[in-house]
Amino acid sequence: MKKHNFNSGPSILPAKVIEQAAAALHDFNGIGLSILEIGHRTDWFIAVIEEAKALVKQLMQLNDDYEVLFLHGGATTQFMQIPMNFLTPNDTAAYCDNGIWGSKAIQEAGFFGNVHIAASSKDKKHTYIPKNLSLPNTAKYLHITTNNTVEGTQWHSLPETNLPLVADMSSDIFSKPMPFNQCSLIYAGAQKNMGAAGVTLVVIKKNWAGSIQKPVPPIMHYQKHIEAKSLLNTPPVFAIYVALLTLRWIVAEGGLTEMEKRSKQKAALLYNTIDSLPIFTSSIAKEDRSLMNAVFFMKDENLLSSFLQTCSENGMVGVKGYRTVGGIRVSMYNALPLESVQAFCELAQYFAQKHG
């Protein structure tokens, strides 16, 4: 049975990337060694990480004012590492609370300084993106989560601010062209649009990293990682290689403009289908719906288990909603083909006819 992979992360990878990564496990570039065996300071791996950095800058259209880092710890570690670098106990940072991951970032920042909530969507259970922000001039930075994987909302444009903008782009990185140069720091776990779990991308303005004055443990210090060119300690070699392969695939497929075109096509098909079927319901503000993660529910909750079982029997993987939200979640990352969304929509229509 053909599997349709709607997992929210780790998630679907392009088939070509999996084939190339599998080949490199046996023999990397014909050198007679596995990618798992090469030293991280060898010319073989330096070529990998430098090409990956260059492709990140190419896709984001960033100049040498920015440094690209590949770090350990997942995006969750960045919740802590950012305030550890940029906040003192007397400082304040502004955060948007638009979902579970933003809330976790707020909690971590509170260990290092003061947190000002610039906007919150808690009043409507994070079903929309508030556009009017309250920003104190003295704040060290503004933090947003550009796509809320759990709740199914997305910032479709970056907020305007004079503060350094920090963006968690874990679940919509490289899905569309954006004014990335409006950000002072961008971070993303790789396991959704950029590769395999195990590496985190950080893109940071060099002058902002250079402004850090407080004592920071070297392994957590952005400037130290910049100076070491992401080799301060042994990096996740294989995950970085898979990221390189995925970045190459994005470029070869037409870049971010093509990724956005495909995302809009998949999302339009999915949302139009769900909206047309009375057995489904969604409370997400239509203008804020995520192109990456569609979250919706059964009007009759008693049908949910039957629908999820039907999905499983037809090769639909990963459609159960997040444990704190429930319902259904269909994740549509770059590597997901349109055919999988079509198959899901056909199944949803069949189920609606049967139970409507």
Foldseek 3Di string as FASTA:
>chain_A
DDFFWQAQWLTDDAPVLVVLLVVQQQPNPNPRHHLVPDACPDPSLVVLLVLLFVLLCVQQVHDPLKAKAKAFDFVLVVLQLVLLQFAAQDAEAEEEAQDDVSVSSQVNNVVGYHYDHQYYPVVVPNQEGDQHGDDDPRHQEYEYEQAHQQNFFGDPADHDDPHAYEYEDAACPQLAHYNCVSHQKYKYQCSHQQFHGTIMMIMHRPVVLVVGDDDDPLSSRPNNCRVVVNVPDGGPSSRSNSSSVSSVVCVVCPTNHVSNVQLVVLQVLLVVLQVVFVQKAGPHDPVGGDSFKHFIAGPPNVCQVVLVVLCVVVNHPNQFHDPVPTGGIGGDYSNRHSVSSVVVSVSVVVVSVVVD
